[in-house]
Amino acid sequence: MSQTIHVVFPCNEGAGADLVGILKEALVDTRAFDGCESVEVFTNADAPDDVVLWEKFASRAHHEAYLGWRVETGLLDALAPVLRSDLQVSYLDDHADV
């Protein structure tokens, strides 16, 4: 079963649009990463500097490998100037029977 992941990038005031621009390029590699099934990007309608990713990966292990790769390649460090705090990653369990 696929793993659903909710990621919030809390950006500095006015930097949400900058992050969306960065993600347009960066997510090309994400979508090609082993185990990535989909990535959608949203901004919070009430807090537009909070950028939200809704991701599906083949497994949590695939996503954790992906995050490790992003750390190794320096993308997370490169995003530090636009972020007001660390990104928030939540792994969600599906309850399809409800």
PDB file of N, CA and C in Angstrom:
ATOM      1  N   MET A   1       0.830  -1.177   0.000  1.00  0.00           N
ATOM      2  CA  MET A   1       0.000   0.000   0.000  1.00  0.00           C
ATOM      3  C   MET A   1       0.880   1.247   0.000  1.00  0.00           C
ATOM      4  N   SER A   2       0.478   2.245  -0.712  1.00  0.00           N
ATOM      5  CA  SER A   2       1.223   3.502  -0.796  1.00  0.00           C
ATOM      6  C   SER A   2       1.216   4.237   0.534  1.00  0.00           C
ATOM      7  N   GLN A   3       2.238   5.067   0.722  1.00  0.00           N
ATOM      8  CA  GLN A   3       2.324   5.927   1.902  1.00  0.00           C
ATOM      9  C   GLN A   3       1.946   7.343   1.498  1.00  0.00           C
ATOM     10  N   THR A   4       1.021   7.946   2.226  1.00  0.00           N
ATOM     11  CA  THR A   4       0.649   9.333   2.003  1.00  0.00           C
ATOM     12  C   THR A   4       1.431  10.189   2.991  1.00  0.00           C
ATOM     13  N   ILE A   5       1.982  11.291   2.476  1.00  0.00           N
ATOM     14  CA  ILE A   5       2.807  12.172   3.297  1.00  0.00           C
ATOM     15  C   ILE A   5       2.302  13.603   3.152  1.00  0.00           C
ATOM     16  N   HIS A   6       2.164  14.286   4.266  1.00  0.00           N
ATOM     17  CA  HIS A   6       1.764  15.694   4.311  1.00  0.00           C
ATOM     18  C   HIS A   6       2.987  16.477   4.779  1.00  0.00           C
ATOM     19  N   VAL A   7       3.439  17.427   3.969  1.00  0.00           N
ATOM     20  CA  VAL A   7       4.630  18.209   4.307  1.00  0.00           C
ATOM     21  C   VAL A   7       4.253  19.685   4.300  1.00  0.00           C
ATOM     22  N   VAL A   8       4.616  20.386   5.355  1.00  0.00           N
ATOM     23  CA  VAL A   8       4.377  21.830   5.434  1.00  0.00           C
ATOM     24  C   VAL A   8       5.727  22.537   5.474  1.00  0.00           C
ATOM     25  N   PHE A   9       5.882  23.498   4.567  1.00  0.00           N
ATOM     26  CA  PHE A   9       7.047  24.372   4.539  1.00  0.00           C
ATOM     27  C   PHE A   9       6.604  25.726   5.083  1.00  0.00           C
ATOM     28  N   PRO A  10       6.885  26.049   6.360  1.00  0.00           N
ATOM     29  CA  PRO A  10       6.512  27.346   6.911  1.00  0.00           C
ATOM     30  C   PRO A  10       7.520  28.408   6.453  1.00  0.00           C
ATOM     31  N   CYS A  11       7.101  29.236   5.521  1.00  0.00           N
ATOM     32  CA  CYS A  11       8.007  30.226   4.920  1.00  0.00           C
ATOM     33  C   CYS A  11       7.954  31.557   5.663  1.00  0.00           C
ATOM     34  N   ASN A  12       9.038  32.291   5.528  1.00  0.00           N
ATOM     35  CA  ASN A  12       9.073  33.660   6.046  1.00  0.00           C
ATOM     36  C   ASN A  12       8.000  34.480   5.346  1.00  0.00           C
ATOM     37  N   GLU A  13       7.595  35.558   5.989  1.00  0.00           N
ATOM     38  CA  GLU A  13       6.560  36.424   5.420  1.00  0.00           C
ATOM     39  C   GLU A  13       6.950  36.871   4.008  1.00  0.00           C
ATOM     40  N   GLY A  14       6.059  36.632   3.064  1.00  0.00           N
ATOM     41  CA  GLY A  14       6.275  37.023   1.676  1.00  0.00           C
ATOM     42  C   GLY A  14       7.092  36.044   0.854  1.00  0.00           C
ATOM     43  N   ALA A  15       7.570  34.944   1.455  1.00  0.00           N
ATOM     44  CA  ALA A  15       8.451  34.014   0.746  1.00  0.00           C
ATOM     45  C   ALA A  15       7.750  32.771   0.203  1.00  0.00           C
ATOM     46  N   GLY A  16       6.456  32.630   0.463  1.00  0.00           N
ATOM     47  CA  GLY A  16       5.733  31.456  -0.036  1.00  0.00           C
ATOM     48  C   GLY A  16       5.792  31.342  -1.547  1.00  0.00           C
ATOM     49  N   ALA A  17       5.585  32.451  -2.239  1.00  0.00           N
ATOM     50  CA  ALA A  17       5.639  32.434  -3.705  1.00  0.00           C
ATOM     51  C   ALA A  17       7.037  32.079  -4.207  1.00  0.00           C
ATOM     52  N   ASP A  18       8.063  32.526  -3.493  1.00  0.00           N
ATOM     53  CA  ASP A  18       9.435  32.168  -3.867  1.00  0.00           C
ATOM     54  C   ASP A  18       9.635  30.658  -3.789  1.00  0.00           C
ATOM     55  N   LEU A  19       9.132  30.051  -2.705  1.00  0.00           N
ATOM     56  CA  LEU A  19       9.287  28.614  -2.560  1.00  0.00           C
ATOM     57  C   LEU A  19       8.536  27.866  -3.654  1.00  0.00           C
ATOM     58  N   VAL A  20       7.341  28.311  -3.992  1.00  0.00           N
ATOM     59  CA  VAL A  20       6.589  27.660  -5.072  1.00  0.00           C
ATOM     60  C   VAL A  20       7.401  27.702  -6.361  1.00  0.00           C
ATOM     61  N   GLY A  21       8.059  28.817  -6.629  1.00  0.00           N
ATOM     62  CA  GLY A  21       8.913  28.913  -7.812  1.00  0.00           C
ATOM     63  C   GLY A  21      10.071  27.936  -7.773  1.00  0.00           C
ATOM     64  N   ILE A  22      10.702  27.790  -6.615  1.00  0.00           N
ATOM     65  CA  ILE A  22      11.803  26.827  -6.454  1.00  0.00           C
ATOM     66  C   ILE A  22      11.296  25.408  -6.672  1.00  0.00           C
ATOM     67  N   LEU A  23      10.111  25.119  -6.137  1.00  0.00           N
ATOM     68  CA  LEU A  23       9.559  23.764  -6.242  1.00  0.00           C
ATOM     69  C   LEU A  23       9.210  23.381  -7.676  1.00  0.00           C
ATOM     70  N   LYS A  24       8.858  24.349  -8.512  1.00  0.00           N
ATOM     71  CA  LYS A  24       8.554  24.037  -9.919  1.00  0.00           C
ATOM     72  C   LYS A  24       9.706  23.284 -10.564  1.00  0.00           C
ATOM     73  N   GLU A  25      10.922  23.691 -10.246  1.00  0.00           N
ATOM     74  CA  GLU A  25      12.103  23.028 -10.796  1.00  0.00           C
ATOM     75  C   GLU A  25      12.473  21.788  -9.982  1.00  0.00           C
ATOM     76  N   ALA A  26      12.484  21.913  -8.665  1.00  0.00           N
ATOM     77  CA  ALA A  26      12.947  20.824  -7.801  1.00  0.00           C
ATOM     78  C   ALA A  26      12.058  19.590  -7.877  1.00  0.00           C
ATOM     79  N   LEU A  27      10.761  19.780  -8.063  1.00  0.00           N
ATOM     80  CA  LEU A  27       9.848  18.635  -8.049  1.00  0.00           C
ATOM     81  C   LEU A  27       9.923  17.780  -9.309  1.00  0.00           C
ATOM     82  N   VAL A  28      10.593  18.265 -10.335  1.00  0.00           N
ATOM     83  CA  VAL A  28      10.838  17.418 -11.510  1.00  0.00           C
ATOM     84  C   VAL A  28      11.654  16.202 -11.068  1.00  0.00           C
ATOM     85  N   ASP A  29      12.700  16.441 -10.278  1.00  0.00           N
ATOM     86  CA  ASP A  29      13.531  15.348  -9.768  1.00  0.00           C
ATOM     87  C   ASP A  29      12.780  14.502  -8.740  1.00  0.00           C
ATOM     88  N   THR A  30      11.953  15.149  -7.942  1.00  0.00           N
ATOM     89  CA  THR A  30      11.170  14.407  -6.952  1.00  0.00           C
ATOM     90  C   THR A  30      10.267  13.400  -7.642  1.00  0.00           C
ATOM     91  N   ARG A  31       9.561  13.854  -8.652  1.00  0.00           N
ATOM     92  CA  ARG A  31       8.614  12.969  -9.347  1.00  0.00           C
ATOM     93  C   ARG A  31       9.317  11.818 -10.061  1.00  0.00           C
ATOM     94  N   ALA A  32      10.601  11.992 -10.369  1.00  0.00           N
ATOM     95  CA  ALA A  32      11.372  10.930 -11.018  1.00  0.00           C
ATOM     96  C   ALA A  32      12.065  10.018 -10.005  1.00  0.00           C
ATOM     97  N   PHE A  33      12.000  10.365  -8.726  1.00  0.00           N
ATOM     98  CA  PHE A  33      12.702   9.592  -7.696  1.00  0.00           C
ATOM     99  C   PHE A  33      12.021   8.240  -7.493  1.00  0.00           C
ATOM    100  N   ASP A  34      12.822   7.226  -7.233  1.00  0.00           N
ATOM    101  CA  ASP A  34      12.314   5.871  -7.029  1.00  0.00           C
ATOM    102  C   ASP A  34      11.244   5.842  -5.938  1.00  0.00           C
ATOM    103  N   GLY A  35      10.078   5.351  -6.273  1.00  0.00           N
ATOM    104  CA  GLY A  35       8.988   5.206  -5.315  1.00  0.00           C
ATOM    105  C   GLY A  35       8.012   6.356  -5.283  1.00  0.00           C
ATOM    106  N   CYS A  36       8.344   7.482  -5.914  1.00  0.00           N
ATOM    107  CA  CYS A  36       7.416   8.612  -5.926  1.00  0.00           C
ATOM    108  C   CYS A  36       6.259   8.309  -6.873  1.00  0.00           C
ATOM    109  N   GLU A  37       5.047   8.406  -6.348  1.00  0.00           N
ATOM    110  CA  GLU A  37       3.856   8.181  -7.149  1.00  0.00           C
ATOM    111  C   GLU A  37       3.177   9.485  -7.540  1.00  0.00           C
ATOM    112  N   SER A  38       3.216  10.478  -6.648  1.00  0.00           N
ATOM    113  CA  SER A  38       2.637  11.780  -6.978  1.00  0.00           C
ATOM    114  C   SER A  38       3.051  12.815  -5.936  1.00  0.00           C
ATOM    115  N   VAL A  39       3.046  14.067  -6.373  1.00  0.00           N
ATOM    116  CA  VAL A  39       3.289  15.206  -5.488  1.00  0.00           C
ATOM    117  C   VAL A  39       2.377  16.335  -5.954  1.00  0.00           C
ATOM    118  N   GLU A  40       1.614  16.884  -5.028  1.00  0.00           N
ATOM    119  CA  GLU A  40       0.770  18.042  -5.316  1.00  0.00           C
ATOM    120  C   GLU A  40       1.213  19.175  -4.401  1.00  0.00           C
ATOM    121  N   VAL A  41       1.129  20.405  -4.901  1.00  0.00           N
ATOM    122  CA  VAL A  41       1.574  21.578  -4.148  1.00  0.00           C
ATOM    123  C   VAL A  41       0.385  22.502  -3.905  1.00  0.00           C
ATOM    124  N   PHE A  42       0.275  22.964  -2.669  1.00  0.00           N
ATOM    125  CA  PHE A  42      -0.796  23.872  -2.271  1.00  0.00           C
ATOM    126  C   PHE A  42      -0.206  25.004  -1.441  1.00  0.00           C
ATOM    127  N   THR A  43      -0.924  26.120  -1.392  1.00  0.00           N
ATOM    128  CA  THR A  43      -0.632  27.140  -0.391  1.00  0.00           C
ATOM    129  C   THR A  43      -1.870  27.258   0.483  1.00  0.00           C
ATOM    130  N   ASN A  44      -1.644  27.550   1.740  1.00  0.00           N
ATOM    131  CA  ASN A  44      -2.732  27.704   2.691  1.00  0.00           C
ATOM    132  C   ASN A  44      -3.480  28.988   2.355  1.00  0.00           C
ATOM    133  N   ALA A  45      -4.772  28.893   2.088  1.00  0.00           N
ATOM    134  CA  ALA A  45      -5.570  30.063   1.705  1.00  0.00           C
ATOM    135  C   ALA A  45      -5.574  31.136   2.791  1.00  0.00           C
ATOM    136  N   ASP A  46      -5.431  30.729   4.045  1.00  0.00           N
ATOM    137  CA  ASP A  46      -5.447  31.680   5.152  1.00  0.00           C
ATOM    138  C   ASP A  46      -4.052  32.100   5.607  1.00  0.00           C
ATOM    139  N   ALA A  47      -3.032  31.410   5.121  1.00  0.00           N
ATOM    140  CA  ALA A  47      -1.634  31.721   5.463  1.00  0.00           C
ATOM    141  C   ALA A  47      -0.791  31.382   4.237  1.00  0.00           C
ATOM    142  N   PRO A  48      -0.800  32.247   3.214  1.00  0.00           N
ATOM    143  CA  PRO A  48      -0.178  31.918   1.923  1.00  0.00           C
ATOM    144  C   PRO A  48       1.318  31.668   1.958  1.00  0.00           C
ATOM    145  N   ASP A  49       1.964  31.950   3.069  1.00  0.00           N
ATOM    146  CA  ASP A  49       3.392  31.658   3.172  1.00  0.00           C
ATOM    147  C   ASP A  49       3.653  30.272   3.755  1.00  0.00           C
ATOM    148  N   ASP A  50       2.591  29.512   3.965  1.00  0.00           N
ATOM    149  CA  ASP A  50       2.721  28.105   4.330  1.00  0.00           C
ATOM    150  C   ASP A  50       2.443  27.281   3.079  1.00  0.00           C
ATOM    151  N   VAL A  51       3.481  26.641   2.570  1.00  0.00           N
ATOM    152  CA  VAL A  51       3.370  25.824   1.365  1.00  0.00           C
ATOM    153  C   VAL A  51       3.234  24.373   1.803  1.00  0.00           C
ATOM    154  N   VAL A  52       2.249  23.704   1.233  1.00  0.00           N
ATOM    155  CA  VAL A  52       1.917  22.338   1.642  1.00  0.00           C
ATOM    156  C   VAL A  52       2.103  21.396   0.463  1.00  0.00           C
ATOM    157  N   LEU A  53       2.782  20.288   0.712  1.00  0.00           N
ATOM    158  CA  LEU A  53       2.912  19.224  -0.292  1.00  0.00           C
ATOM    159  C   LEU A  53       2.103  18.023   0.179  1.00  0.00           C
ATOM    160  N   TRP A  54       1.370  17.433  -0.741  1.00  0.00           N
ATOM    161  CA  TRP A  54       0.606  16.201  -0.517  1.00  0.00           C
ATOM    162  C   TRP A  54       1.266  15.172  -1.416  1.00  0.00           C
ATOM    163  N   GLU A  55       1.949  14.221  -0.805  1.00  0.00           N
ATOM    164  CA  GLU A  55       2.773  13.286  -1.564  1.00  0.00           C
ATOM    165  C   GLU A  55       2.286  11.854  -1.395  1.00  0.00           C
ATOM    166  N   LYS A  56       2.533  11.049  -2.411  1.00  0.00           N
ATOM    167  CA  LYS A  56       2.323   9.602  -2.338  1.00  0.00           C
ATOM    168  C   LYS A  56       3.615   8.938  -2.779  1.00  0.00           C
ATOM    169  N   PHE A  57       4.120   8.054  -1.931  1.00  0.00           N
ATOM    170  CA  PHE A  57       5.303   7.253  -2.248  1.00  0.00           C
ATOM    171  C   PHE A  57       4.931   5.787  -2.080  1.00  0.00           C
ATOM    172  N   ALA A  58       5.670   4.922  -2.720  1.00  0.00           N
ATOM    173  CA  ALA A  58       5.396   3.484  -2.654  1.00  0.00           C
ATOM    174  C   ALA A  58       5.440   2.986  -1.207  1.00  0.00           C
ATOM    175  N   SER A  59       6.289   3.608  -0.377  1.00  0.00           N
ATOM    176  CA  SER A  59       6.396   3.217   1.031  1.00  0.00           C
ATOM    177  C   SER A  59       7.047   4.361   1.809  1.00  0.00           C
ATOM    178  N   ARG A  60       6.949   4.267   3.110  1.00  0.00           N
ATOM    179  CA  ARG A  60       7.626   5.250   3.960  1.00  0.00           C
ATOM    180  C   ARG A  60       9.128   5.176   3.742  1.00  0.00           C
ATOM    181  N   ALA A  61       9.660   3.965   3.592  1.00  0.00           N
ATOM    182  CA  ALA A  61      11.102   3.809   3.356  1.00  0.00           C
ATOM    183  C   ALA A  61      11.539   4.537   2.089  1.00  0.00           C
ATOM    184  N   HIS A  62      10.721   4.486   1.042  1.00  0.00           N
ATOM    185  CA  HIS A  62      11.047   5.224  -0.189  1.00  0.00           C
ATOM    186  C   HIS A  62      11.110   6.729   0.091  1.00  0.00           C
ATOM    187  N   HIS A  63      10.150   7.235   0.859  1.00  0.00           N
ATOM    188  CA  HIS A  63      10.137   8.666   1.157  1.00  0.00           C
ATOM    189  C   HIS A  63      11.315   9.055   2.036  1.00  0.00           C
ATOM    190  N   GLU A  64      11.629   8.222   3.017  1.00  0.00           N
ATOM    191  CA  GLU A  64      12.767   8.517   3.878  1.00  0.00           C
ATOM    192  C   GLU A  64      14.072   8.510   3.094  1.00  0.00           C
ATOM    193  N   ALA A  65      14.193   7.610   2.115  1.00  0.00           N
ATOM    194  CA  ALA A  65      15.377   7.602   1.241  1.00  0.00           C
ATOM    195  C   ALA A  65      15.424   8.887   0.420  1.00  0.00           C
ATOM    196  N   TYR A  66      14.266   9.318  -0.050  1.00  0.00           N
ATOM    197  CA  TYR A  66      14.170  10.562  -0.818  1.00  0.00           C
ATOM    198  C   TYR A  66      14.619  11.750   0.047  1.00  0.00           C
ATOM    199  N   LEU A  67      14.107  11.847   1.281  1.00  0.00           N
ATOM    200  CA  LEU A  67      14.512  12.954   2.151  1.00  0.00           C
ATOM    201  C   LEU A  67      16.013  12.931   2.418  1.00  0.00           C
ATOM    202  N   GLY A  68      16.568  11.747   2.621  1.00  0.00           N
ATOM    203  CA  GLY A  68      18.007  11.621   2.803  1.00  0.00           C
ATOM    204  C   GLY A  68      18.774  12.137   1.601  1.00  0.00           C
ATOM    205  N   TRP A  69      18.285  11.827   0.419  1.00  0.00           N
ATOM    206  CA  TRP A  69      18.906  12.306  -0.814  1.00  0.00           C
ATOM    207  C   TRP A  69      18.833  13.828  -0.898  1.00  0.00           C
ATOM    208  N   ARG A  70      17.689  14.394  -0.513  1.00  0.00           N
ATOM    209  CA  ARG A  70      17.552  15.859  -0.545  1.00  0.00           C
ATOM    210  C   ARG A  70      18.514  16.524   0.435  1.00  0.00           C
ATOM    211  N   VAL A  71      18.743  15.911   1.573  1.00  0.00           N
ATOM    212  CA  VAL A  71      19.719  16.450   2.529  1.00  0.00           C
ATOM    213  C   VAL A  71      21.117  16.377   1.914  1.00  0.00           C
ATOM    214  N   GLU A  72      21.465  15.214   1.340  1.00  0.00           N
ATOM    215  CA  GLU A  72      22.788  15.025   0.727  1.00  0.00           C
ATOM    216  C   GLU A  72      23.053  16.012  -0.398  1.00  0.00           C
ATOM    217  N   THR A  73      22.039  16.295  -1.214  1.00  0.00           N
ATOM    218  CA  THR A  73      22.228  17.188  -2.354  1.00  0.00           C
ATOM    219  C   THR A  73      22.192  18.660  -1.957  1.00  0.00           C
ATOM    220  N   GLY A  74      21.820  18.947  -0.698  1.00  0.00           N
ATOM    221  CA  GLY A  74      21.861  20.323  -0.214  1.00  0.00           C
ATOM    222  C   GLY A  74      20.608  21.145  -0.441  1.00  0.00           C
ATOM    223  N   LEU A  75      19.545  20.540  -0.969  1.00  0.00           N
ATOM    224  CA  LEU A  75      18.341  21.330  -1.238  1.00  0.00           C
ATOM    225  C   LEU A  75      17.749  21.895   0.050  1.00  0.00           C
ATOM    226  N   LEU A  76      17.686  21.098   1.090  1.00  0.00           N
ATOM    227  CA  LEU A  76      17.079  21.604   2.326  1.00  0.00           C
ATOM    228  C   LEU A  76      17.883  22.757   2.905  1.00  0.00           C
ATOM    229  N   ASP A  77      19.204  22.685   2.819  1.00  0.00           N
ATOM    230  CA  ASP A  77      20.036  23.811   3.266  1.00  0.00           C
ATOM    231  C   ASP A  77      19.784  25.043   2.400  1.00  0.00           C
ATOM    232  N   ALA A  78      19.597  24.825   1.109  1.00  0.00           N
ATOM    233  CA  ALA A  78      19.355  25.948   0.190  1.00  0.00           C
ATOM    234  C   ALA A  78      18.014  26.626   0.474  1.00  0.00           C
ATOM    235  N   LEU A  79      17.068  25.876   1.033  1.00  0.00           N
ATOM    236  CA  LEU A  79      15.754  26.450   1.344  1.00  0.00           C
ATOM    237  C   LEU A  79      15.739  27.215   2.658  1.00  0.00           C
ATOM    238  N   ALA A  80      16.753  27.037   3.485  1.00  0.00           N
ATOM    239  CA  ALA A  80      16.790  27.647   4.816  1.00  0.00           C
ATOM    240  C   ALA A  80      16.485  29.148   4.810  1.00  0.00           C
ATOM    241  N   PRO A  81      16.994  29.936   3.849  1.00  0.00           N
ATOM    242  CA  PRO A  81      16.716  31.375   3.889  1.00  0.00           C
ATOM    243  C   PRO A  81      15.240  31.741   3.717  1.00  0.00           C
ATOM    244  N   VAL A  82      14.443  30.887   3.100  1.00  0.00           N
ATOM    245  CA  VAL A  82      13.019  31.214   2.912  1.00  0.00           C
ATOM    246  C   VAL A  82      12.130  30.624   4.004  1.00  0.00           C
ATOM    247  N   LEU A  83      12.682  29.730   4.825  1.00  0.00           N
ATOM    248  CA  LEU A  83      11.875  29.064   5.849  1.00  0.00           C
ATOM    249  C   LEU A  83      11.986  29.761   7.200  1.00  0.00           C
ATOM    250  N   ARG A  84      10.854  29.916   7.881  1.00  0.00           N
ATOM    251  CA  ARG A  84      10.872  30.511   9.226  1.00  0.00           C
ATOM    252  C   ARG A  84      11.078  29.451  10.298  1.00  0.00           C
ATOM    253  N   SER A  85      10.875  28.170   9.930  1.00  0.00           N
ATOM    254  CA  SER A  85      11.143  27.060  10.847  1.00  0.00           C
ATOM    255  C   SER A  85      11.294  25.790  10.013  1.00  0.00           C
ATOM    256  N   ASP A  86      11.647  24.702  10.673  1.00  0.00           N
ATOM    257  CA  ASP A  86      11.845  23.439   9.966  1.00  0.00           C
ATOM    258  C   ASP A  86      10.566  22.981   9.280  1.00  0.00           C
ATOM    259  N   LEU A  87      10.749  22.270   8.174  1.00  0.00           N
ATOM    260  CA  LEU A  87       9.574  21.700   7.528  1.00  0.00           C
ATOM    261  C   LEU A  87       8.974  20.634   8.428  1.00  0.00           C
ATOM    262  N   GLN A  88       7.680  20.433   8.279  1.00  0.00           N
ATOM    263  CA  GLN A  88       6.941  19.486   9.109  1.00  0.00           C
ATOM    264  C   GLN A  88       6.469  18.343   8.222  1.00  0.00           C
ATOM    265  N   VAL A  89       6.892  17.120   8.561  1.00  0.00           N
ATOM    266  CA  VAL A  89       6.547  15.946   7.764  1.00  0.00           C
ATOM    267  C   VAL A  89       5.645  15.045   8.597  1.00  0.00           C
ATOM    268  N   SER A  90       4.495  14.678   8.035  1.00  0.00           N
ATOM    269  CA  SER A  90       3.569  13.756   8.696  1.00  0.00           C
ATOM    270  C   SER A  90       3.296  12.584   7.772  1.00  0.00           C
ATOM    271  N   TYR A  91       3.463  11.373   8.293  1.00  0.00           N
ATOM    272  CA  TYR A  91       3.143  10.158   7.557  1.00  0.00           C
ATOM    273  C   TYR A  91       1.735   9.734   7.964  1.00  0.00           C
ATOM    274  N   LEU A  92       0.861   9.613   6.991  1.00  0.00           N
ATOM    275  CA  LEU A  92      -0.550   9.363   7.259  1.00  0.00           C
ATOM    276  C   LEU A  92      -0.936   7.930   6.935  1.00  0.00           C
ATOM    277  N   ASP A  93      -1.679   7.327   7.843  1.00  0.00           N
ATOM    278  CA  ASP A  93      -2.205   5.982   7.616  1.00  0.00           C
ATOM    279  C   ASP A  93      -3.615   6.090   7.045  1.00  0.00           C
ATOM    280  N   ASP A  94      -3.884   5.304   6.012  1.00  0.00           N
ATOM    281  CA  ASP A  94      -5.179   5.307   5.341  1.00  0.00           C
ATOM    282  C   ASP A  94      -6.169   4.417   6.100  1.00  0.00           C
ATOM    283  N   HIS A  95      -7.372   4.904   6.231  1.00  0.00           N
ATOM    284  CA  HIS A  95      -8.460   4.133   6.829  1.00  0.00           C
ATOM    285  C   HIS A  95      -9.575   4.020   5.795  1.00  0.00           C
ATOM    286  N   ALA A  96      -9.306   3.284   4.736  1.00  0.00           N
ATOM    287  CA  ALA A  96     -10.236   3.163   3.616  1.00  0.00           C
ATOM    288  C   ALA A  96     -11.558   2.516   4.010  1.00  0.00           C
ATOM    289  N   ASP A  97     -11.578   1.808   5.138  1.00  0.00           N
ATOM    290  CA  ASP A  97     -12.801   1.131   5.564  1.00  0.00           C
ATOM    291  C   ASP A  97     -13.769   2.050   6.306  1.00  0.00           C
ATOM    292  N   VAL A  98     -13.390   3.303   6.507  1.00  0.00           N
ATOM    293  CA  VAL A  98     -14.242   4.230   7.244  1.00  0.00           C
ATOM    294  C   VAL A  98     -15.076   5.049   6.281  1.00  0.00           C
TER     295      VAL A  98
END
